[in-house]
């Protein structure tokens, strides 16, 4: 079955979800927001998967990031957190 949200078509799927996760999602989203919550979670996972693919390609082409650069990035992140 296909339906349409405001801007994009949707499809109905039947999935199995662990009970504890179901309860936590329902608490956060409410009954009416459950599908939207799951949709955002799936979209986020797809973005993470694409980012992982990109990182794998970059490592294959340029080699791994050096420990010095990782340390510098970690320091920059901590400095940014401290400025908040």
PDB file of N, CA and C in Angstrom:
ATOM      1  N   UNK A   1       0.849  -1.182   0.000  1.00  0.00           N
ATOM      2  CA  UNK A   1       0.000   0.000   0.000  1.00  0.00           C
ATOM      3  C   UNK A   1       0.889   1.239   0.000  1.00  0.00           C
ATOM      4  N   UNK A   2       0.589   2.176  -0.848  1.00  0.00           N
ATOM      5  CA  UNK A   2       1.349   3.406  -0.943  1.00  0.00           C
ATOM      6  C   UNK A   2       0.449   4.571  -0.561  1.00  0.00           C
ATOM      7  N   UNK A   3       0.993   5.466   0.235  1.00  0.00           N
ATOM      8  CA  UNK A   3       0.266   6.683   0.569  1.00  0.00           C
ATOM      9  C   UNK A   3       1.230   7.850   0.375  1.00  0.00           C
ATOM     10  N   UNK A   4       0.754   9.053   0.579  1.00  0.00           N
ATOM     11  CA  UNK A   4       1.588  10.226   0.366  1.00  0.00           C
ATOM     12  C   UNK A   4       1.588  11.094   1.605  1.00  0.00           C
ATOM     13  N   UNK A   5       2.795  11.478   2.036  1.00  0.00           N
ATOM     14  CA  UNK A   5       2.903  12.486   3.081  1.00  0.00           C
ATOM     15  C   UNK A   5       2.852  13.829   2.389  1.00  0.00           C
ATOM     16  N   UNK A   6       3.135  14.877   3.091  1.00  0.00           N
ATOM     17  CA  UNK A   6       3.045  16.211   2.507  1.00  0.00           C
ATOM     18  C   UNK A   6       3.925  16.335   1.276  1.00  0.00           C
ATOM     19  N   UNK A   7       5.127  15.783   1.301  1.00  0.00           N
ATOM     20  CA  UNK A   7       6.032  16.003   0.182  1.00  0.00           C
ATOM     21  C   UNK A   7       6.574  14.738  -0.479  1.00  0.00           C
ATOM     22  N   UNK A   8       6.377  13.564   0.093  1.00  0.00           N
ATOM     23  CA  UNK A   8       6.955  12.359  -0.496  1.00  0.00           C
ATOM     24  C   UNK A   8       6.022  11.172  -0.344  1.00  0.00           C
ATOM     25  N   UNK A   9       6.025  10.278  -1.352  1.00  0.00           N
ATOM     26  CA  UNK A   9       5.221   9.061  -1.216  1.00  0.00           C
ATOM     27  C   UNK A   9       5.793   8.149  -0.128  1.00  0.00           C
ATOM     28  N   UNK A  10       4.938   7.374   0.487  1.00  0.00           N
ATOM     29  CA  UNK A  10       5.347   6.434   1.522  1.00  0.00           C
ATOM     30  C   UNK A  10       4.817   5.046   1.187  1.00  0.00           C
ATOM     31  N   UNK A  11       5.409   4.034   1.805  1.00  0.00           N
ATOM     32  CA  UNK A  11       4.934   2.658   1.661  1.00  0.00           C
ATOM     33  C   UNK A  11       4.757   2.070   3.050  1.00  0.00           C
ATOM     34  N   UNK A  12       3.837   1.134   3.169  1.00  0.00           N
ATOM     35  CA  UNK A  12       3.630   0.435   4.434  1.00  0.00           C
ATOM     36  C   UNK A  12       4.535  -0.779   4.465  1.00  0.00           C
ATOM     37  N   UNK A  13       5.185  -1.013   5.599  1.00  0.00           N
ATOM     38  CA  UNK A  13       6.029  -2.172   5.816  1.00  0.00           C
ATOM     39  C   UNK A  13       5.660  -2.785   7.161  1.00  0.00           C
ATOM     40  N   UNK A  14       5.861  -4.062   7.256  1.00  0.00           N
ATOM     41  CA  UNK A  14       5.680  -4.751   8.529  1.00  0.00           C
ATOM     42  C   UNK A  14       7.064  -5.135   9.030  1.00  0.00           C
ATOM     43  N   UNK A  15       7.409  -4.679  10.239  1.00  0.00           N
ATOM     44  CA  UNK A  15       8.727  -4.971  10.798  1.00  0.00           C
ATOM     45  C   UNK A  15       8.578  -5.521  12.208  1.00  0.00           C
ATOM     46  N   UNK A  16       9.596  -6.194  12.658  1.00  0.00           N
ATOM     47  CA  UNK A  16       9.638  -6.663  14.045  1.00  0.00           C
ATOM     48  C   UNK A  16      10.614  -5.787  14.810  1.00  0.00           C
ATOM     49  N   UNK A  17      10.188  -5.351  15.987  1.00  0.00           N
ATOM     50  CA  UNK A  17      10.991  -4.462  16.819  1.00  0.00           C
ATOM     51  C   UNK A  17      11.060  -5.061  18.222  1.00  0.00           C
ATOM     52  N   UNK A  18      12.258  -5.026  18.796  1.00  0.00           N
ATOM     53  CA  UNK A  18      12.368  -5.495  20.174  1.00  0.00           C
ATOM     54  C   UNK A  18      11.430  -4.692  21.069  1.00  0.00           C
ATOM     55  N   UNK A  19      10.832  -5.357  22.039  1.00  0.00           N
ATOM     56  CA  UNK A  19       9.840  -4.724  22.893  1.00  0.00           C
ATOM     57  C   UNK A  19      10.397  -3.519  23.637  1.00  0.00           C
ATOM     58  N   UNK A  20      11.617  -3.618  24.148  1.00  0.00           N
ATOM     59  CA  UNK A  20      12.183  -2.499  24.893  1.00  0.00           C
ATOM     60  C   UNK A  20      12.407  -1.276  24.001  1.00  0.00           C
ATOM     61  N   UNK A  21      12.822  -1.520  22.756  1.00  0.00           N
ATOM     62  CA  UNK A  21      13.011  -0.407  21.822  1.00  0.00           C
ATOM     63  C   UNK A  21      11.670   0.191  21.446  1.00  0.00           C
ATOM     64  N   UNK A  22      10.679  -0.668  21.208  1.00  0.00           N
ATOM     65  CA  UNK A  22       9.335  -0.201  20.885  1.00  0.00           C
ATOM     66  C   UNK A  22       8.807   0.724  21.975  1.00  0.00           C
ATOM     67  N   UNK A  23       8.980   0.339  23.216  1.00  0.00           N
ATOM     68  CA  UNK A  23       8.486   1.151  24.333  1.00  0.00           C
ATOM     69  C   UNK A  23       9.201   2.496  24.389  1.00  0.00           C
ATOM     70  N   UNK A  24      10.512   2.481  24.183  1.00  0.00           N
ATOM     71  CA  UNK A  24      11.269   3.734  24.239  1.00  0.00           C
ATOM     72  C   UNK A  24      10.880   4.671  23.095  1.00  0.00           C
ATOM     73  N   UNK A  25      10.684   4.111  21.901  1.00  0.00           N
ATOM     74  CA  UNK A  25      10.275   4.944  20.761  1.00  0.00           C
ATOM     75  C   UNK A  25       8.880   5.514  21.009  1.00  0.00           C
ATOM     76  N   UNK A  26       7.960   4.680  21.484  1.00  0.00           N
ATOM     77  CA  UNK A  26       6.594   5.135  21.752  1.00  0.00           C
ATOM     78  C   UNK A  26       6.584   6.245  22.794  1.00  0.00           C
ATOM     79  N   UNK A  27       7.428   6.126  23.818  1.00  0.00           N
ATOM     80  CA  UNK A  27       7.509   7.168  24.852  1.00  0.00           C
ATOM     81  C   UNK A  27       7.997   8.485  24.268  1.00  0.00           C
ATOM     82  N   UNK A  28       8.949   8.411  23.362  1.00  0.00           N
ATOM     83  CA  UNK A  28       9.523   9.628  22.786  1.00  0.00           C
ATOM     84  C   UNK A  28       8.642  10.235  21.695  1.00  0.00           C
ATOM     85  N   UNK A  29       7.973   9.389  20.933  1.00  0.00           N
ATOM     86  CA  UNK A  29       7.279   9.873  19.743  1.00  0.00           C
ATOM     87  C   UNK A  29       5.784  10.002  19.898  1.00  0.00           C
ATOM     88  N   UNK A  30       5.230   9.293  20.858  1.00  0.00           N
ATOM     89  CA  UNK A  30       3.778   9.222  20.938  1.00  0.00           C
ATOM     90  C   UNK A  30       3.266   8.290  19.854  1.00  0.00           C
ATOM     91  N   UNK A  31       2.026   7.904  19.949  1.00  0.00           N
ATOM     92  CA  UNK A  31       1.463   6.942  18.998  1.00  0.00           C
ATOM     93  C   UNK A  31       1.465   7.496  17.577  1.00  0.00           C
ATOM     94  N   UNK A  32       1.085   8.723  17.397  1.00  0.00           N
ATOM     95  CA  UNK A  32       0.973   9.294  16.056  1.00  0.00           C
ATOM     96  C   UNK A  32       2.317   9.630  15.428  1.00  0.00           C
ATOM     97  N   UNK A  33       3.351   9.804  16.231  1.00  0.00           N
ATOM     98  CA  UNK A  33       4.659  10.168  15.689  1.00  0.00           C
ATOM     99  C   UNK A  33       5.602   9.000  15.485  1.00  0.00           C
ATOM    100  N   UNK A  34       5.128   7.786  15.754  1.00  0.00           N
ATOM    101  CA  UNK A  34       5.978   6.597  15.698  1.00  0.00           C
ATOM    102  C   UNK A  34       6.588   6.402  14.311  1.00  0.00           C
ATOM    103  N   UNK A  35       5.782   6.447  13.277  1.00  0.00           N
ATOM    104  CA  UNK A  35       6.286   6.242  11.918  1.00  0.00           C
ATOM    105  C   UNK A  35       7.300   7.306  11.533  1.00  0.00           C
ATOM    106  N   UNK A  36       7.027   8.529  11.906  1.00  0.00           N
ATOM    107  CA  UNK A  36       7.955   9.616  11.602  1.00  0.00           C
ATOM    108  C   UNK A  36       9.290   9.398  12.311  1.00  0.00           C
ATOM    109  N   UNK A  37       9.234   8.960  13.560  1.00  0.00           N
ATOM    110  CA  UNK A  37      10.444   8.676  14.330  1.00  0.00           C
ATOM    111  C   UNK A  37      11.258   7.584  13.643  1.00  0.00           C
ATOM    112  N   UNK A  38      10.594   6.495  13.256  1.00  0.00           N
ATOM    113  CA  UNK A  38      11.281   5.385  12.593  1.00  0.00           C
ATOM    114  C   UNK A  38      11.838   5.844  11.249  1.00  0.00           C
ATOM    115  N   UNK A  39      11.097   6.640  10.510  1.00  0.00           N
ATOM    116  CA  UNK A  39      11.570   7.145   9.229  1.00  0.00           C
ATOM    117  C   UNK A  39      12.844   7.971   9.397  1.00  0.00           C
ATOM    118  N   UNK A  40      12.860   8.853  10.404  1.00  0.00           N
ATOM    119  CA  UNK A  40      14.061   9.661  10.663  1.00  0.00           C
ATOM    120  C   UNK A  40      15.236   8.777  11.074  1.00  0.00           C
ATOM    121  N   UNK A  41      14.971   7.740  11.879  1.00  0.00           N
ATOM    122  CA  UNK A  41      16.039   6.829  12.297  1.00  0.00           C
ATOM    123  C   UNK A  41      16.618   6.083  11.099  1.00  0.00           C
ATOM    124  N   UNK A  42      15.759   5.637  10.192  1.00  0.00           N
ATOM    125  CA  UNK A  42      16.240   4.943   8.996  1.00  0.00           C
ATOM    126  C   UNK A  42      17.037   5.886   8.099  1.00  0.00           C
ATOM    127  N   UNK A  43      16.555   7.101   7.959  1.00  0.00           N
ATOM    128  CA  UNK A  43      17.270   8.087   7.147  1.00  0.00           C
ATOM    129  C   UNK A  43      18.650   8.380   7.738  1.00  0.00           C
ATOM    130  N   UNK A  44      18.712   8.516   9.055  1.00  0.00           N
ATOM    131  CA  UNK A  44      19.992   8.742   9.726  1.00  0.00           C
ATOM    132  C   UNK A  44      20.940   7.574   9.506  1.00  0.00           C
ATOM    133  N   UNK A  45      20.431   6.348   9.616  1.00  0.00           N
ATOM    134  CA  UNK A  45      21.275   5.170   9.400  1.00  0.00           C
ATOM    135  C   UNK A  45      21.799   5.126   7.969  1.00  0.00           C
ATOM    136  N   UNK A  46      20.965   5.468   7.006  1.00  0.00           N
ATOM    137  CA  UNK A  46      21.420   5.511   5.617  1.00  0.00           C
ATOM    138  C   UNK A  46      22.528   6.548   5.434  1.00  0.00           C
ATOM    139  N   UNK A  47      22.394   7.703   6.071  1.00  0.00           N
ATOM    140  CA  UNK A  47      23.436   8.727   5.994  1.00  0.00           C
ATOM    141  C   UNK A  47      24.735   8.224   6.614  1.00  0.00           C
ATOM    142  N   UNK A  48      24.635   7.548   7.749  1.00  0.00           N
ATOM    143  CA  UNK A  48      25.824   6.987   8.390  1.00  0.00           C
ATOM    144  C   UNK A  48      26.482   5.927   7.506  1.00  0.00           C
ATOM    145  N   UNK A  49      25.661   5.093   6.863  1.00  0.00           N
ATOM    146  CA  UNK A  49      26.196   4.070   5.963  1.00  0.00           C
ATOM    147  C   UNK A  49      26.936   4.718   4.785  1.00  0.00           C
ATOM    148  N   UNK A  50      26.358   5.775   4.217  1.00  0.00           N
ATOM    149  CA  UNK A  50      27.010   6.472   3.107  1.00  0.00           C
ATOM    150  C   UNK A  50      28.307   7.126   3.553  1.00  0.00           C
ATOM    151  N   UNK A  51      28.305   7.695   4.739  1.00  0.00           N
ATOM    152  CA  UNK A  51      29.523   8.298   5.281  1.00  0.00           C
ATOM    153  C   UNK A  51      30.605   7.234   5.477  1.00  0.00           C
ATOM    154  N   UNK A  52      30.216   6.069   5.988  1.00  0.00           N
ATOM    155  CA  UNK A  52      31.157   4.970   6.151  1.00  0.00           C
ATOM    156  C   UNK A  52      31.726   4.532   4.799  1.00  0.00           C
ATOM    157  N   UNK A  53      30.876   4.466   3.777  1.00  0.00           N
ATOM    158  CA  UNK A  53      31.337   4.133   2.430  1.00  0.00           C
ATOM    159  C   UNK A  53      32.355   5.159   1.936  1.00  0.00           C
ATOM    160  N   UNK A  54      32.052   6.436   2.157  1.00  0.00           N
ATOM    161  CA  UNK A  54      32.945   7.503   1.724  1.00  0.00           C
ATOM    162  C   UNK A  54      34.290   7.408   2.446  1.00  0.00           C
ATOM    163  N   UNK A  55      34.252   7.176   3.744  1.00  0.00           N
ATOM    164  CA  UNK A  55      35.493   7.050   4.520  1.00  0.00           C
ATOM    165  C   UNK A  55      36.312   5.866   4.020  1.00  0.00           C
ATOM    166  N   UNK A  56      35.658   4.742   3.751  1.00  0.00           N
ATOM    167  CA  UNK A  56      36.361   3.565   3.240  1.00  0.00           C
ATOM    168  C   UNK A  56      37.029   3.864   1.900  1.00  0.00           C
ATOM    169  N   UNK A  57      36.335   4.580   1.026  1.00  0.00           N
ATOM    170  CA  UNK A  57      36.918   4.945  -0.269  1.00  0.00           C
ATOM    171  C   UNK A  57      38.113   5.886  -0.079  1.00  0.00           C
ATOM    172  N   UNK A  58      37.973   6.859   0.827  1.00  0.00           N
ATOM    173  CA  UNK A  58      39.064   7.807   1.063  1.00  0.00           C
ATOM    174  C   UNK A  58      40.283   7.100   1.655  1.00  0.00           C
ATOM    175  N   UNK A  59      40.071   6.174   2.561  1.00  0.00           N
ATOM    176  CA  UNK A  59      41.185   5.424   3.158  1.00  0.00           C
ATOM    177  C   UNK A  59      41.851   4.557   2.096  1.00  0.00           C
ATOM    178  N   UNK A  60      41.054   3.936   1.237  1.00  0.00           N
ATOM    179  CA  UNK A  60      41.619   3.108   0.172  1.00  0.00           C
ATOM    180  C   UNK A  60      42.461   3.954  -0.791  1.00  0.00           C
ATOM    181  N   UNK A  61      42.016   5.177  -1.049  1.00  0.00           N
ATOM    182  CA  UNK A  61      42.723   6.037  -1.999  1.00  0.00           C
ATOM    183  C   UNK A  61      43.915   6.756  -1.374  1.00  0.00           C
ATOM    184  N   UNK A  62      43.768   7.213  -0.114  1.00  0.00           N
ATOM    185  CA  UNK A  62      44.782   8.084   0.493  1.00  0.00           C
ATOM    186  C   UNK A  62      45.487   7.464   1.703  1.00  0.00           C
ATOM    187  N   UNK A  63      45.021   6.312   2.156  1.00  0.00           N
ATOM    188  CA  UNK A  63      45.591   5.697   3.347  1.00  0.00           C
ATOM    189  C   UNK A  63      44.888   6.200   4.595  1.00  0.00           C
ATOM    190  N   UNK A  64      45.175   5.571   5.723  1.00  0.00           N
ATOM    191  CA  UNK A  64      44.504   5.956   6.969  1.00  0.00           C
ATOM    192  C   UNK A  64      44.964   7.335   7.460  1.00  0.00           C
ATOM    193  N   UNK A  65      44.130   7.936   8.286  1.00  0.00           N
ATOM    194  CA  UNK A  65      44.452   9.226   8.890  1.00  0.00           C
ATOM    195  C   UNK A  65      45.514   8.989   9.959  1.00  0.00           C
ATOM    196  N   UNK A  66      46.532   9.843   9.973  1.00  0.00           N
ATOM    197  CA  UNK A  66      47.627   9.667  10.927  1.00  0.00           C
ATOM    198  C   UNK A  66      47.160   9.945  12.353  1.00  0.00           C
ATOM    199  N   UNK A  67      47.868   9.364  13.296  1.00  0.00           N
ATOM    200  CA  UNK A  67      47.526   9.565  14.711  1.00  0.00           C
ATOM    201  C   UNK A  67      47.702  11.029  15.120  1.00  0.00           C
ATOM    202  N   UNK A  68      48.644  11.740  14.486  1.00  0.00           N
ATOM    203  CA  UNK A  68      48.840  13.161  14.790  1.00  0.00           C
ATOM    204  C   UNK A  68      47.622  13.980  14.380  1.00  0.00           C
ATOM    205  N   UNK A  69      47.089  13.685  13.202  1.00  0.00           N
ATOM    206  CA  UNK A  69      45.908  14.419  12.743  1.00  0.00           C
ATOM    207  C   UNK A  69      44.705  14.079  13.619  1.00  0.00           C
ATOM    208  N   UNK A  70      44.537  12.807  13.973  1.00  0.00           N
ATOM    209  CA  UNK A  70      43.432  12.422  14.862  1.00  0.00           C
ATOM    210  C   UNK A  70      43.531  13.139  16.196  1.00  0.00           C
ATOM    211  N   UNK A  71      44.745  13.245  16.743  1.00  0.00           N
ATOM    212  CA  UNK A  71      44.932  13.945  18.023  1.00  0.00           C
ATOM    213  C   UNK A  71      44.575  15.416  17.884  1.00  0.00           C
ATOM    214  N   UNK A  72      44.949  16.024  16.762  1.00  0.00           N
ATOM    215  CA  UNK A  72      44.629  17.433  16.538  1.00  0.00           C
ATOM    216  C   UNK A  72      43.122  17.642  16.428  1.00  0.00           C
ATOM    217  N   UNK A  73      42.448  16.742  15.715  1.00  0.00           N
ATOM    218  CA  UNK A  73      40.993  16.836  15.581  1.00  0.00           C
ATOM    219  C   UNK A  73      40.323  16.661  16.947  1.00  0.00           C
ATOM    220  N   UNK A  74      40.773  15.677  17.730  1.00  0.00           N
ATOM    221  CA  UNK A  74      40.219  15.487  19.073  1.00  0.00           C
ATOM    222  C   UNK A  74      40.391  16.744  19.918  1.00  0.00           C
ATOM    223  N   UNK A  75      41.556  17.364  19.834  1.00  0.00           N
ATOM    224  CA  UNK A  75      41.800  18.610  20.594  1.00  0.00           C
ATOM    225  C   UNK A  75      40.883  19.720  20.130  1.00  0.00           C
ATOM    226  N   UNK A  76      40.687  19.835  18.821  1.00  0.00           N
ATOM    227  CA  UNK A  76      39.773  20.862  18.284  1.00  0.00           C
ATOM    228  C   UNK A  76      38.340  20.641  18.760  1.00  0.00           C
ATOM    229  N   UNK A  77      37.912  19.378  18.786  1.00  0.00           N
ATOM    230  CA  UNK A  77      36.563  19.069  19.251  1.00  0.00           C
ATOM    231  C   UNK A  77      36.408  19.440  20.717  1.00  0.00           C
ATOM    232  N   UNK A  78      37.371  19.072  21.521  1.00  0.00           N
ATOM    233  CA  UNK A  78      37.311  19.420  22.954  1.00  0.00           C
ATOM    234  C   UNK A  78      37.311  20.921  23.166  1.00  0.00           C
ATOM    235  N   UNK A  79      38.096  21.647  22.376  1.00  0.00           N
ATOM    236  CA  UNK A  79      38.123  23.112  22.476  1.00  0.00           C
ATOM    237  C   UNK A  79      36.761  23.697  22.101  1.00  0.00           C
ATOM    238  N   UNK A  80      36.144  23.152  21.075  1.00  0.00           N
ATOM    239  CA  UNK A  80      34.822  23.646  20.668  1.00  0.00           C
ATOM    240  C   UNK A  80      33.783  23.368  21.744  1.00  0.00           C
ATOM    241  N   UNK A  81      33.865  22.205  22.370  1.00  0.00           N
ATOM    242  CA  UNK A  81      32.939  21.880  23.468  1.00  0.00           C
ATOM    243  C   UNK A  81      33.121  22.849  24.623  1.00  0.00           C
ATOM    244  N   UNK A  82      34.364  23.193  24.938  1.00  0.00           N
ATOM    245  CA  UNK A  82      34.651  24.094  26.053  1.00  0.00           C
ATOM    246  C   UNK A  82      34.108  25.497  25.797  1.00  0.00           C
ATOM    247  N   UNK A  83      34.037  25.888  24.532  1.00  0.00           N
ATOM    248  CA  UNK A  83      33.527  27.234  24.193  1.00  0.00           C
ATOM    249  C   UNK A  83      32.024  27.341  24.324  1.00  0.00           C
ATOM    250  N   UNK A  84      31.328  26.229  24.408  1.00  0.00           N
ATOM    251  CA  UNK A  84      29.859  26.290  24.497  1.00  0.00           C
ATOM    252  C   UNK A  84      29.438  26.831  25.778  1.00  0.00           C
TER     253      UNK A  84
END
